[in-house]
């Protein structure tokens, strides 16, 4: 998805300062990552303000995630064809306008529509951020520092999201977790339009828009069917029809990819063991780990009585643990190998999930949130890097970006479907009761199921992942 090679710079008057290009690219990435996590602590307030149901709450998160995952590869391809600056501006413009619409929403459907458009804008914007940065900075130490800054800003956006969201909800209202994007987006838009240079690849193949629409619609319909089973049961037509329709749409996506001249996801890539095994492992881990923030936030506020700011602060150590795990992973990979490190990281996360599943309605911060949260997210950080390395190793330069985007897409898609399934699991235990004890039992069951999923992931990794990273 993200390529600097084979790039053509279009004419420009004067080159902008490199630091300014890096700052603008990082600002775009920060907004995209921030919005994945910033709404979590605002969910209870959104529910009160707009009368959202439990299903509605999960769709506040899923509408963004599904649109983001489904159109991410298309966004990267559009940047290659039509210009990275142009797609940066289009994506950020969509994202900013959707943030305004969501912040002003008066009904639940308006908020969910705005979140979906936000996800679409993020999918167009995100692939361009790194490519713009690498095109502006020459290879070598300077580019390595720029990429490290981009990575740190992305991680910081995820870590800051909960705290920023909590402060905005407490001081202003839940609407400001979305409205805050508007002035920031406007400033970045002005700077990008004024200072960024245009670049694109010479390849003029068409976009695979049907593939992107089919995979996104299929995932959304499948997730809706899963959520409907919560109220109607797995055998009810209200659940079976969307489940069947989602599978048909995904089958249509596979058929389109097999026949189109410029597929969004070349199916031949999945015939490679490293690519297939690492992406399945990422999908499985994402289905459990993505849910952690959602249910931990609800537990902190709905059961333990934390304010939004307190809930955001409570989860900051967990957010930082992801960063620590991501930084440690490259150091451990030469010692343990990618396969063993991925399995070890998943096992660490499984221990955290198991610990979290012992939560009680009167749990203390250290044992009910802090330590299990750190283990869960430390394991997530340790797992992601070796899986990404396995999925992209040995790929020729023209495929590296596509494979990187596929890994991110697998993780986000797994998280979206996992959240729908886990919400159904929680509802099956609570039985609609809003009491702290009933909610705790539902959330605890989610983490027990997540523990099982992660343990299954460890077994899959040890059996299927290659023992060594393939050579280029």
Protein backbone atom coordinates (compact mmCIF):
# COMPACT_ATOMS: atom_id res chain seq x y z
CA UNK A 1 0.00 0.00 0.00
CA UNK A 2 2.85 2.34 0.78
CA UNK A 3 5.61 2.68 -1.82
CA UNK A 4 8.28 5.28 -2.40
CA UNK A 5 10.00 3.54 -5.32
CA UNK A 6 9.04 4.12 -8.98
CA UNK A 7 7.65 7.53 -8.10
CA UNK A 8 7.34 10.53 -10.41
CA UNK A 9 7.45 13.98 -8.85
CA UNK A 10 5.32 16.51 -10.67
CA UNK A 11 6.64 20.03 -11.36
CA UNK A 12 6.55 22.43 -8.45
CA UNK A 13 7.78 25.95 -7.82
CA UNK A 14 10.01 25.42 -4.79
CA UNK A 15 10.50 22.42 -2.57
CA UNK A 16 9.01 22.91 0.90
CA UNK A 17 11.17 22.31 3.99
CA UNK A 18 11.50 18.61 4.70
CA UNK A 19 10.47 19.04 8.33
CA UNK A 20 7.19 20.63 7.20
CA UNK A 21 6.37 17.71 4.88
CA UNK A 22 7.11 15.26 7.71
CA UNK A 23 4.96 17.27 10.11
CA UNK A 24 1.99 17.36 7.72
CA UNK A 25 2.21 13.65 6.94
CA UNK A 26 2.46 12.80 10.64
CA UNK A 27 -0.49 15.06 11.47
CA UNK A 28 -2.66 13.17 8.98
CA UNK A 29 -1.59 9.83 10.45
CA UNK A 30 -2.20 11.10 14.00
CA UNK A 31 -5.81 12.02 13.20
CA UNK A 32 -6.52 8.63 11.60
CA UNK A 33 -5.12 6.63 14.53
CA UNK A 34 -6.54 8.95 17.18
CA UNK A 35 -10.07 8.44 15.91
CA UNK A 36 -9.81 4.67 16.30
CA UNK A 37 -9.50 5.05 20.08
CA UNK A 38 -10.79 8.51 21.02
CA UNK A 39 -14.48 7.54 20.85
CA UNK A 40 -14.18 4.60 23.23
CA UNK A 41 -14.43 6.58 26.47
CA UNK A 42 -17.27 8.65 24.97
CA UNK A 43 -19.49 5.62 24.25
CA UNK A 44 -21.57 5.74 27.47
CA UNK A 45 -22.15 9.47 26.97
CA UNK A 46 -23.09 8.91 23.31
CA UNK A 47 -25.57 6.28 24.40
CA UNK A 48 -27.22 8.69 26.83
CA UNK A 49 -27.17 11.63 24.42
CA UNK A 50 -28.63 9.84 21.38
CA UNK A 51 -30.41 6.90 22.97
CA UNK A 52 -28.11 4.32 21.35
CA UNK A 53 -28.70 0.64 21.94
CA UNK A 54 -25.93 -1.83 22.77
CA UNK A 55 -25.81 -2.74 19.09
CA UNK A 56 -25.60 0.95 18.24
CA UNK A 57 -22.59 1.37 20.53
CA UNK A 58 -20.63 -1.35 18.77
CA UNK A 59 -21.48 0.19 15.39
CA UNK A 60 -20.05 3.55 16.46
CA UNK A 61 -16.73 1.68 16.49
CA UNK A 62 -17.42 -0.79 13.68
CA UNK A 63 -18.77 1.68 11.11
CA UNK A 64 -15.39 3.42 11.14
CA UNK A 65 -13.32 0.23 11.29
CA UNK A 66 -15.13 -1.62 8.49
CA UNK A 67 -15.05 1.32 6.07
CA UNK A 68 -11.39 1.92 6.94
CA UNK A 69 -10.39 -1.72 6.40
CA UNK A 70 -12.52 -2.28 3.31
CA UNK A 71 -11.24 0.74 1.38
CA UNK A 72 -7.66 0.92 2.66
CA UNK A 73 -6.07 -1.01 -0.21
CA UNK A 74 -8.15 0.97 -2.70
CA UNK A 75 -6.97 4.22 -1.08
CA UNK A 76 -3.34 3.22 -1.54
CA UNK A 77 -3.94 2.29 -5.18
CA UNK A 78 -5.77 5.58 -5.83
CA UNK A 79 -2.77 7.49 -4.47
CA UNK A 80 -0.46 5.66 -6.86
CA UNK A 81 -2.67 6.45 -9.85
CA UNK A 82 -4.06 9.91 -9.19
CA UNK A 83 -1.46 11.46 -6.93
CA UNK A 84 -0.60 11.10 -3.24
CA UNK A 85 -1.16 14.79 -2.47
CA UNK A 86 -4.55 14.73 -4.17
CA UNK A 87 -5.67 11.67 -2.22
CA UNK A 88 -4.28 13.16 1.00
CA UNK A 89 -6.46 16.24 0.47
CA UNK A 90 -9.54 14.26 -0.59
CA UNK A 91 -9.22 11.84 2.33
CA UNK A 92 -8.59 14.53 4.92
CA UNK A 93 -11.42 16.65 3.52
CA UNK A 94 -13.87 13.75 3.80
CA UNK A 95 -12.60 12.91 7.27
CA UNK A 96 -12.96 16.51 8.48
CA UNK A 97 -16.47 17.01 7.04
CA UNK A 98 -17.63 13.68 8.48
CA UNK A 99 -16.23 14.67 11.89
CA UNK A 100 -18.32 17.85 11.73
CA UNK A 101 -21.41 15.86 10.75
CA UNK A 102 -20.89 13.34 13.54
CA UNK A 103 -20.34 16.03 16.14
CA UNK A 104 -23.60 17.73 15.12
CA UNK A 105 -25.62 14.49 14.78
CA UNK A 106 -29.11 14.57 16.28
CA UNK A 107 -30.03 10.92 15.65
CA UNK A 108 -28.14 7.66 15.98
CA UNK A 109 -28.22 6.94 12.22
CA UNK A 110 -26.61 10.30 11.50
CA UNK A 111 -23.74 9.49 13.86
CA UNK A 112 -23.23 6.03 12.36
CA UNK A 113 -23.27 7.41 8.81
CA UNK A 114 -20.72 10.05 9.79
CA UNK A 115 -18.47 7.40 11.32
CA UNK A 116 -18.62 5.32 8.13
CA UNK A 117 -17.66 8.35 6.01
CA UNK A 118 -14.87 9.09 8.48
CA UNK A 119 -13.57 5.56 7.90
CA UNK A 120 -13.72 6.05 4.13
CA UNK A 121 -11.80 9.31 4.43
CA UNK A 122 -9.22 7.65 6.67
CA UNK A 123 -8.80 4.80 4.15
CA UNK A 124 -8.03 7.34 1.39
CA UNK A 125 -5.80 9.47 3.63
CA UNK A 126 -3.73 6.93 5.57
CA UNK A 127 -1.85 5.24 2.69
CA UNK A 128 -0.68 8.61 1.37
CA UNK A 129 0.86 9.78 4.64
CA UNK A 130 3.86 7.43 4.64
CA UNK A 131 4.37 7.57 0.88
CA UNK A 132 4.47 11.39 0.93
CA UNK A 133 6.98 11.24 3.76
CA UNK A 134 9.30 8.70 2.09
CA UNK A 135 9.12 10.58 -1.22
CA UNK A 136 10.28 13.78 0.46
CA UNK A 137 13.12 12.35 2.56
CA UNK A 138 16.17 10.75 0.88
CA UNK A 139 17.12 7.19 1.75
CA UNK A 140 19.43 6.63 4.67
CA UNK A 141 19.49 7.82 8.26
CA UNK A 142 17.24 10.81 7.58
CA UNK A 143 14.48 8.65 6.14
CA UNK A 144 14.83 6.15 9.00
CA UNK A 145 14.37 8.97 11.51
CA UNK A 146 11.36 10.30 9.60
CA UNK A 147 9.70 6.87 9.51
CA UNK A 148 10.43 6.40 13.21
CA UNK A 149 8.74 9.75 13.88
CA UNK A 150 5.73 8.70 11.77
CA UNK A 151 5.50 5.40 13.67
CA UNK A 152 5.81 7.09 17.06
CA UNK A 153 3.14 9.65 16.17
CA UNK A 154 0.79 6.84 15.14
CA UNK A 155 1.41 4.96 18.37
CA UNK A 156 1.02 8.19 20.32
CA UNK A 157 -2.33 8.83 18.68
CA UNK A 158 -3.60 5.47 19.88
CA UNK A 159 -2.18 6.01 23.36
CA UNK A 160 -3.53 9.56 23.67
CA UNK A 161 -6.99 8.76 22.31
CA UNK A 162 -8.52 7.51 25.54
CA UNK A 163 -7.20 10.36 27.69
CA UNK A 164 -8.03 13.07 25.14
CA UNK A 165 -11.52 11.67 24.67
CA UNK A 166 -12.12 11.54 28.42
CA UNK A 167 -11.03 15.14 28.98
CA UNK A 168 -13.19 16.40 26.11
CA UNK A 169 -16.27 14.52 27.34
CA UNK A 170 -15.85 15.75 30.93
CA UNK A 171 -15.04 19.37 30.09
CA UNK A 172 -17.32 19.82 27.06
CA UNK A 173 -19.42 16.92 25.73
CA UNK A 174 -19.09 13.70 23.74
CA UNK A 175 -19.60 15.73 20.56
CA UNK A 176 -16.15 17.25 20.92
CA UNK A 177 -14.34 13.94 20.45
CA UNK A 178 -15.45 14.40 16.81
CA UNK A 179 -15.59 18.20 16.53
CA UNK A 180 -11.97 18.55 17.68
CA UNK A 181 -10.95 17.08 14.32
CA UNK A 182 -12.48 20.01 12.43
CA UNK A 183 -10.05 22.85 13.33
CA UNK A 184 -7.06 20.48 13.26
CA UNK A 185 -8.14 19.06 9.91
CA UNK A 186 -8.66 22.54 8.46
CA UNK A 187 -5.15 23.65 9.45
CA UNK A 188 -3.55 20.48 8.03
CA UNK A 189 -5.61 20.81 4.84
CA UNK A 190 -4.37 24.37 4.31
CA UNK A 191 -0.77 23.38 4.94
CA UNK A 192 -0.97 20.32 2.69
CA UNK A 193 -2.58 22.24 -0.18
CA UNK A 194 0.05 24.96 0.10
CA UNK A 195 3.24 23.02 0.70
CA UNK A 196 3.02 19.36 -0.34
CA UNK A 197 4.34 18.33 -3.75
CA UNK A 198 2.39 15.96 -5.97
CA UNK A 199 3.75 12.52 -6.88
CA UNK A 200 2.38 9.35 -8.44
CA UNK A 201 3.44 6.11 -10.09
CA UNK A 202 3.45 5.81 -13.86
CA UNK A 203 1.17 2.75 -13.82
CA UNK A 204 -2.26 3.73 -15.20
CA UNK A 205 -4.28 0.58 -14.52
CA UNK A 206 -7.81 1.19 -13.35
CA UNK A 207 -9.03 1.05 -9.78
CA UNK A 208 -10.76 -2.10 -8.53
CA UNK A 209 -13.76 -0.23 -7.13
CA UNK A 210 -16.16 -3.23 -7.39
CA UNK A 211 -13.78 -5.29 -5.26
CA UNK A 212 -13.57 -2.63 -2.55
CA UNK A 213 -17.36 -2.17 -2.46
CA UNK A 214 -18.02 -5.92 -2.31
CA UNK A 215 -15.57 -6.66 0.49
CA UNK A 216 -16.77 -3.69 2.58
CA UNK A 217 -20.46 -4.48 2.05
CA UNK A 218 -19.81 -8.15 2.77
CA UNK A 219 -18.04 -7.43 6.05
CA UNK A 220 -20.67 -4.92 7.16
CA UNK A 221 -23.54 -7.28 6.33
CA UNK A 222 -21.82 -10.18 8.05
CA UNK A 223 -21.17 -8.09 11.17
CA UNK A 224 -24.82 -6.95 11.14
CA UNK A 225 -26.00 -10.55 10.95
CA UNK A 226 -23.81 -11.48 13.91
CA UNK A 227 -25.17 -8.57 15.94
CA UNK A 228 -28.76 -9.50 15.05
CA UNK A 229 -28.25 -12.94 16.55
CA UNK A 230 -27.93 -11.19 19.91
CA UNK A 231 -31.62 -10.28 19.97
CA UNK A 232 -33.18 -12.77 17.54
CA UNK A 233 -31.10 -15.92 17.96
CA UNK A 234 -28.80 -17.65 15.47
CA UNK A 235 -31.63 -19.52 13.75
CA UNK A 236 -33.90 -16.50 13.19
CA UNK A 237 -34.35 -15.13 9.67
CA UNK A 238 -33.27 -11.68 10.90
CA UNK A 239 -29.80 -13.15 11.56
CA UNK A 240 -29.57 -15.85 8.87
CA UNK A 241 -30.51 -13.59 5.94
CA UNK A 242 -27.78 -10.97 6.51
CA UNK A 243 -25.27 -13.70 7.38
CA UNK A 244 -26.01 -15.45 4.09
CA UNK A 245 -25.99 -12.18 2.17
CA UNK A 246 -22.63 -11.24 3.70
CA UNK A 247 -21.08 -14.56 2.67
CA UNK A 248 -22.46 -14.13 -0.87
CA UNK A 249 -20.98 -10.64 -1.12
CA UNK A 250 -17.60 -11.93 0.04
CA UNK A 251 -17.84 -14.77 -2.49
CA UNK A 252 -18.55 -12.12 -5.13
CA UNK A 253 -15.43 -10.27 -4.00
CA UNK A 254 -13.33 -13.41 -4.51
CA UNK A 255 -14.86 -13.91 -7.98
CA UNK A 256 -14.10 -10.31 -8.98
CA UNK A 257 -10.53 -10.54 -7.72
CA UNK A 258 -9.97 -13.74 -9.71
CA UNK A 259 -11.05 -12.13 -12.99
CA UNK A 260 -10.12 -8.46 -12.91
CA UNK A 261 -6.95 -7.29 -14.61
CA UNK A 262 -5.90 -5.10 -11.67
CA UNK A 263 -7.23 -6.83 -8.52
CA UNK A 264 -7.37 -5.08 -5.19
CA UNK A 265 -5.99 -8.25 -3.58
CA UNK A 266 -4.29 -10.68 -5.99
CA UNK A 267 -5.48 -14.09 -4.82
CA UNK A 268 -2.21 -15.69 -5.85
CA UNK A 269 -0.55 -13.98 -2.87
CA UNK A 270 -2.59 -16.16 -0.50
CA UNK A 271 -1.06 -19.28 -2.05
CA UNK A 272 2.19 -18.37 -0.31
CA UNK A 273 2.46 -19.97 3.11
CA UNK A 274 4.03 -16.95 4.89
CA UNK A 275 1.39 -14.57 3.53
CA UNK A 276 -1.61 -16.81 4.20
CA UNK A 277 -0.54 -17.99 7.67
CA UNK A 278 0.51 -14.56 8.94
CA UNK A 279 -2.69 -12.89 7.73
CA UNK A 280 -4.92 -15.59 9.22
CA UNK A 281 -3.01 -15.25 12.50
CA UNK A 282 -3.38 -11.46 12.37
CA UNK A 283 -7.11 -11.79 11.68
CA UNK A 284 -7.55 -14.18 14.61
CA UNK A 285 -5.55 -12.07 17.05
CA UNK A 286 -7.30 -8.90 15.92
CA UNK A 287 -10.71 -10.47 16.56
CA UNK A 288 -9.84 -10.72 20.26
CA UNK A 289 -7.44 -7.85 20.90
CA UNK A 290 -9.49 -5.16 19.14
CA UNK A 291 -12.34 -5.75 21.62
CA UNK A 292 -10.19 -5.02 24.65
CA UNK A 293 -10.55 -1.23 24.51
CA UNK A 294 -14.31 -1.37 23.94
CA UNK A 295 -15.13 -3.61 26.90
CA UNK A 296 -12.51 -2.21 29.28
CA UNK A 297 -13.97 1.27 28.78
CA UNK A 298 -17.51 0.05 29.42
CA UNK A 299 -16.37 -1.89 32.50
CA UNK A 300 -14.53 1.12 33.94
CA UNK A 301 -17.48 3.50 33.49
CA UNK A 302 -20.60 1.32 33.70
CA UNK A 303 -19.42 -0.96 36.52
CA UNK A 304 -16.64 0.76 38.46
CA UNK A 305 -18.14 4.24 38.11
CA UNK A 306 -15.13 5.98 36.56
CA UNK A 307 -15.62 9.32 34.85
CA UNK A 308 -14.59 9.52 31.18
CA UNK A 309 -11.32 11.24 32.11
CA UNK A 310 -10.58 8.65 34.80
CA UNK A 311 -11.33 5.84 32.35
CA UNK A 312 -9.02 7.38 29.75
CA UNK A 313 -6.23 7.79 32.28
CA UNK A 314 -6.75 4.24 33.55
CA UNK A 315 -6.03 2.84 30.09
CA UNK A 316 -2.98 4.99 29.30
CA UNK A 317 -0.51 2.40 30.72
CA UNK A 318 -2.09 -0.26 28.49
CA UNK A 319 -1.74 2.03 25.48
CA UNK A 320 1.91 2.65 26.28
CA UNK A 321 2.46 -1.10 26.68
CA UNK A 322 1.64 -1.50 22.96
CA UNK A 323 4.41 0.97 22.15
CA UNK A 324 6.87 -0.83 24.44
CA UNK A 325 6.01 -4.21 22.92
CA UNK A 326 6.43 -2.83 19.40
CA UNK A 327 9.86 -1.42 20.31
CA UNK A 328 11.01 -4.65 21.99
CA UNK A 329 9.89 -6.95 19.18
CA UNK A 330 12.72 -6.10 16.72
CA UNK A 331 15.27 -6.76 19.49
CA UNK A 332 13.84 -10.20 20.29
CA UNK A 333 13.26 -11.38 16.73
CA UNK A 334 16.91 -12.28 16.04
CA UNK A 335 17.03 -14.25 19.30
CA UNK A 336 13.72 -16.13 19.15
CA UNK A 337 12.74 -15.98 15.49
CA UNK A 338 9.56 -14.42 14.15
CA UNK A 339 7.37 -17.51 14.63
CA UNK A 340 8.29 -18.07 18.29
CA UNK A 341 8.07 -14.36 19.13
CA UNK A 342 4.61 -14.07 17.59
CA UNK A 343 3.45 -17.11 19.57
CA UNK A 344 5.05 -15.76 22.76
CA UNK A 345 3.41 -12.36 22.34
CA UNK A 346 0.01 -13.95 21.76
CA UNK A 347 0.51 -16.13 24.83
CA UNK A 348 1.34 -13.06 26.95
CA UNK A 349 -1.85 -11.42 25.69
CA UNK A 350 -3.82 -14.61 26.48
CA UNK A 351 -2.56 -14.51 30.07
CA UNK A 352 -3.78 -10.91 30.33
CA UNK A 353 -7.17 -11.86 28.88
CA UNK A 354 -7.45 -14.75 31.32
CA UNK A 355 -6.61 -12.45 34.23
CA UNK A 356 -9.13 -9.87 33.03
CA UNK A 357 -11.83 -12.56 32.89
CA UNK A 358 -11.68 -12.79 36.70
CA UNK A 359 -13.02 -9.22 37.03
CA UNK A 360 -15.60 -8.44 39.69
CA UNK A 361 -18.15 -5.68 40.17
CA UNK A 362 -16.02 -4.11 42.92
CA UNK A 363 -12.58 -4.72 41.44
CA UNK A 364 -9.59 -2.55 42.31
CA UNK A 365 -7.66 -0.62 39.68
CA UNK A 366 -4.37 -2.52 39.95
CA UNK A 367 -5.76 -6.03 39.55
CA UNK A 368 -8.92 -5.30 37.53
CA UNK A 369 -7.50 -2.90 34.93
CA UNK A 370 -3.81 -1.99 35.17
CA UNK A 371 -1.87 -5.27 35.25
CA UNK A 372 -4.10 -7.39 32.99
CA UNK A 373 -4.39 -4.46 30.56
CA UNK A 374 -0.61 -4.08 30.36
CA UNK A 375 -0.20 -7.81 29.67
CA UNK A 376 -2.86 -7.79 26.95
CA UNK A 377 -1.38 -4.85 25.10
CA UNK A 378 2.27 -5.76 25.67
CA UNK A 379 1.46 -9.08 24.01
CA UNK A 380 -0.29 -7.30 21.16
CA UNK A 381 2.80 -5.15 20.54
CA UNK A 382 5.12 -8.17 20.59
CA UNK A 383 2.89 -10.08 18.15
CA UNK A 384 2.25 -7.51 15.41
CA UNK A 385 5.85 -6.93 14.26
CA UNK A 386 6.89 -10.57 13.66
CA UNK A 387 3.60 -11.34 11.89
CA UNK A 388 4.06 -8.33 9.62
CA UNK A 389 7.65 -9.38 8.96
CA UNK A 390 6.58 -12.89 7.98
CA UNK A 391 3.75 -11.64 5.76
CA UNK A 392 5.99 -9.27 3.79
CA UNK A 393 9.34 -11.09 3.78
CA UNK A 394 10.68 -12.20 0.44
CA UNK A 395 8.29 -9.98 -1.49
CA UNK A 396 9.54 -8.03 -4.51
CA UNK A 397 9.48 -4.22 -4.08
CA UNK A 398 6.32 -3.80 -6.16
CA UNK A 399 4.39 -6.09 -3.77
CA UNK A 400 5.76 -4.90 -0.43
CA UNK A 401 3.26 -2.08 -0.02
CA UNK A 402 0.33 -4.28 -1.00
CA UNK A 403 1.33 -6.97 1.49
CA UNK A 404 1.77 -4.40 4.28
CA UNK A 405 -1.69 -3.05 3.57
CA UNK A 406 -3.10 -6.58 3.55
CA UNK A 407 -1.74 -7.23 7.06
CA UNK A 408 -3.36 -4.05 8.39
CA UNK A 409 -6.60 -4.91 6.62
CA UNK A 410 -6.66 -8.43 8.08
CA UNK A 411 -6.18 -7.09 11.60
CA UNK A 412 -8.91 -4.45 11.27
CA UNK A 413 -11.37 -6.80 9.57
CA UNK A 414 -10.79 -9.39 12.27
CA UNK A 415 -11.38 -6.75 14.92
CA UNK A 416 -14.65 -5.60 13.33
CA UNK A 417 -16.15 -9.08 13.11
CA UNK A 418 -14.71 -9.97 16.51
CA UNK A 419 -16.38 -6.96 18.15
CA UNK A 420 -19.75 -7.95 16.67
CA UNK A 421 -19.34 -11.53 17.89
CA UNK A 422 -18.06 -10.55 21.35
CA UNK A 423 -20.89 -8.07 21.86
CA UNK A 424 -23.30 -10.93 21.18
CA UNK A 425 -21.42 -13.09 23.69
CA UNK A 426 -21.68 -10.38 26.38
CA UNK A 427 -25.38 -9.82 25.72
CA UNK A 428 -26.09 -13.55 25.98
CA UNK A 429 -24.80 -13.51 29.56
CA UNK A 430 -26.21 -10.18 30.78
CA UNK A 431 -29.71 -10.95 29.48
CA UNK A 432 -30.45 -7.25 29.12
CA UNK A 433 -29.89 -6.51 32.80
CA UNK A 434 -28.09 -3.17 33.42
CA UNK A 435 -26.91 -4.04 36.94
CA UNK A 436 -23.16 -3.89 37.62
CA UNK A 437 -23.08 -7.57 38.51
CA UNK A 438 -24.81 -8.66 35.29
CA UNK A 439 -22.64 -6.40 33.14
CA UNK A 440 -19.50 -7.73 34.84
CA UNK A 441 -20.51 -11.32 34.09
CA UNK A 442 -21.05 -10.44 30.44
CA UNK A 443 -17.72 -8.63 30.10
CA UNK A 444 -15.90 -11.43 31.93
CA UNK A 445 -17.32 -13.99 29.52
CA UNK A 446 -15.98 -11.94 26.61
CA UNK A 447 -12.46 -12.09 28.03
CA UNK A 448 -12.76 -15.85 28.67
CA UNK A 449 -13.76 -16.38 25.05
CA UNK A 450 -10.94 -14.07 23.96
CA UNK A 451 -8.50 -16.19 25.97
CA UNK A 452 -9.61 -19.27 24.06
CA UNK A 453 -9.29 -17.50 20.72
CA UNK A 454 -5.74 -16.37 21.52
CA UNK A 455 -4.68 -19.81 22.74
CA UNK A 456 -5.98 -21.22 19.46
CA UNK A 457 -3.92 -18.54 17.73
CA UNK A 458 -0.77 -19.69 19.52
CA UNK A 459 -1.34 -23.26 18.31
CA UNK A 460 -2.00 -22.06 14.76
CA UNK A 461 1.20 -20.01 14.73
CA UNK A 462 3.38 -22.84 15.98
CA UNK A 463 1.93 -25.26 13.44
CA UNK A 464 1.50 -23.08 10.33
CA UNK A 465 3.88 -20.11 10.42
CA UNK A 466 7.24 -20.69 8.67
CA UNK A 467 10.15 -21.40 11.00
CA UNK A 468 12.30 -18.79 9.28
CA UNK A 469 11.60 -15.52 7.51
CA UNK A 470 11.92 -16.18 3.76
CA UNK A 471 14.84 -14.42 2.05
CA UNK A 472 14.20 -11.78 -0.61
